[in-house]
Amino acid sequence: QLQLVESGGGLVQPGGSLRLACVTSGSTADYYSIGWFRQAPGKEREGVACISSSGGNTNYADSVKGRFTISKDNAKKTVYLQMNSLKPEDTGIYYCAALIGFSYVCTRTGMEYDYWGQGTQVTVSS
């Protein structure tokens, strides 16, 4: 069983930045990809970014390309999502999820992920 805990959300003005963290624990799996997803009220869940278990591949939604950066610190078992130039439409609950297994590429399709965190709220508003 893998546990994921998100942190770093909050209220920020448009144009501001936040860094989300996803800490994993409790797993005997050696490899897993991590994805960040978000859900705004009344909207479908969106895959924002992902990073492969190898760490060599990342993938971003068009809506966040050039503004968001996903990275991982294997020693800390933590994946980060650096969010810059935030817009009101970035508002939502952000979740991280893990897909067990070794892979050179990652996917932003939520249905393929095995474990999910509880989410952290991000609000972009003036």
Protein backbone atom coordinates (compact mmCIF):
# COMPACT_ATOMS: atom_id res chain seq x y z
CA GLN A 1 0.00 0.00 0.00
CA LEU A 2 1.35 3.40 -0.99
CA GLN A 3 0.37 6.59 0.79
CA LEU A 4 0.61 10.01 -0.83
CA VAL A 5 0.29 13.31 1.00
CA GLU A 6 0.07 16.64 -0.81
CA SER A 7 1.00 20.01 0.66
CA GLY A 8 1.76 23.54 -0.45
CA GLY A 9 -1.63 24.73 -1.61
CA GLY A 10 -3.11 28.05 -0.64
CA LEU A 11 -4.43 31.39 -1.81
CA VAL A 12 -2.29 33.34 -4.27
CA GLN A 13 -2.82 36.37 -6.48
CA PRO A 14 -2.82 36.07 -10.27
CA GLY A 15 0.75 36.03 -11.53
CA GLY A 16 2.02 34.50 -8.31
CA SER A 17 3.70 31.17 -7.62
CA LEU A 18 3.20 28.10 -5.47
CA ARG A 19 5.15 24.89 -5.06
CA LEU A 20 3.18 21.76 -4.30
CA ALA A 21 4.82 18.70 -2.76
CA CYS A 22 3.73 15.07 -2.87
CA VAL A 23 5.39 12.85 -0.27
CA THR A 24 5.11 9.09 -0.71
CA SER A 25 5.46 6.41 1.96
CA GLY A 26 4.57 2.87 2.87
CA SER A 27 5.34 1.16 -0.41
CA THR A 28 7.62 -1.74 -1.17
CA ALA A 29 7.40 -0.94 -4.86
CA ASP A 30 10.70 0.13 -6.30
CA TYR A 31 9.31 2.14 -9.18
CA TYR A 32 6.29 4.31 -9.80
CA SER A 33 5.34 7.25 -11.95
CA ILE A 34 3.70 10.25 -10.34
CA GLY A 35 1.02 12.43 -11.83
CA TRP A 36 -0.51 15.71 -10.71
CA PHE A 37 -4.19 16.20 -11.38
CA ARG A 38 -6.62 18.99 -10.61
CA GLN A 39 -10.35 19.36 -10.38
CA ALA A 40 -12.23 22.63 -10.39
CA PRO A 41 -15.87 22.92 -9.28
CA GLY A 42 -18.18 21.74 -12.04
CA LYS A 43 -15.32 20.57 -14.25
CA GLU A 44 -13.81 17.20 -15.04
CA ARG A 45 -10.54 16.14 -13.53
CA GLU A 46 -7.55 17.23 -15.60
CA GLY A 47 -4.15 15.62 -15.77
CA VAL A 48 -1.77 18.54 -15.27
CA ALA A 49 1.67 16.95 -15.32
CA CYS A 50 3.45 13.65 -14.81
CA ILE A 51 6.94 12.29 -14.35
CA SER A 52 8.02 8.76 -15.22
CA SER A 53 9.46 6.32 -12.71
CA SER A 54 12.79 6.62 -14.52
CA GLY A 55 12.61 10.38 -14.02
CA GLY A 56 13.60 10.92 -17.61
CA ASN A 57 10.20 11.80 -19.02
CA THR A 58 7.77 14.52 -18.13
CA ASN A 59 4.52 15.51 -19.75
CA TYR A 60 2.33 18.59 -19.33
CA ALA A 61 -1.14 19.69 -20.25
CA ASP A 62 -1.16 22.44 -22.87
CA SER A 63 -2.85 24.73 -20.37
CA VAL A 64 0.21 24.72 -18.07
CA LYS A 65 3.14 24.27 -20.44
CA GLY A 66 5.85 26.84 -19.81
CA ARG A 67 4.38 27.75 -16.42
CA PHE A 68 4.46 24.51 -14.39
CA THR A 69 7.43 22.25 -13.74
CA ILE A 70 7.33 18.77 -12.22
CA SER A 71 10.41 17.33 -10.53
CA LYS A 72 11.32 14.59 -8.10
CA ASP A 73 13.72 14.06 -5.20
CA ASN A 74 14.17 10.32 -4.85
CA ALA A 75 16.02 10.59 -1.54
CA LYS A 76 13.08 12.48 -0.02
CA LYS A 77 10.48 10.39 -1.86
CA THR A 78 8.91 13.65 -2.90
CA VAL A 79 7.59 14.98 -6.19
CA TYR A 80 7.17 18.71 -6.63
CA LEU A 81 4.98 20.81 -8.86
CA GLN A 82 6.33 24.32 -9.27
CA MET A 83 3.55 26.58 -10.49
CA ASN A 84 4.43 30.02 -11.82
CA SER A 85 2.41 32.79 -13.49
CA LEU A 86 -0.72 31.41 -11.90
CA LYS A 87 -4.10 32.29 -13.39
CA PRO A 88 -7.60 32.20 -11.88
CA GLU A 89 -8.37 29.21 -14.09
CA ASP A 90 -5.67 27.24 -12.25
CA THR A 91 -7.93 27.21 -9.19
CA GLY A 92 -8.94 23.76 -7.99
CA ILE A 93 -8.06 20.85 -5.79
CA TYR A 94 -4.71 19.38 -6.78
CA TYR A 95 -4.08 15.67 -6.31
CA CYS A 96 -1.00 13.57 -6.80
CA ALA A 97 -1.26 9.93 -7.79
CA ALA A 98 1.09 6.99 -8.27
CA LEU A 99 1.21 4.41 -11.03
CA ILE A 100 3.17 1.36 -9.93
CA GLY A 101 5.81 -0.07 -12.23
CA PHE A 102 8.90 0.93 -14.14
CA SER A 103 8.36 3.09 -17.19
CA TYR A 104 10.37 5.39 -19.40
CA VAL A 105 7.28 7.45 -20.16
CA CYS A 106 4.39 8.73 -18.06
CA THR A 107 0.71 9.25 -18.66
CA ARG A 108 -1.72 11.97 -17.60
CA THR A 109 -4.68 9.57 -17.80
CA GLY A 110 -6.05 9.35 -14.29
CA MET A 111 -7.73 5.98 -14.73
CA GLU A 112 -4.35 4.31 -15.04
CA TYR A 113 -3.15 5.41 -11.61
CA ASP A 114 -3.21 3.07 -8.64
CA TYR A 115 -3.00 5.30 -5.55
CA TRP A 116 -4.20 8.83 -4.83
CA GLY A 117 -3.60 11.48 -2.22
CA GLN A 118 -6.30 13.51 -0.47
CA GLY A 119 -5.61 16.71 -2.39
CA THR A 120 -4.63 20.27 -1.60
CA GLN A 121 -6.63 23.38 -2.47
CA VAL A 122 -5.15 26.01 -4.77
CA THR A 123 -7.03 29.28 -5.15
CA VAL A 124 -5.85 31.99 -7.53
CA SER A 125 -7.71 35.20 -6.89
CA SER A 126 -7.15 38.89 -6.33
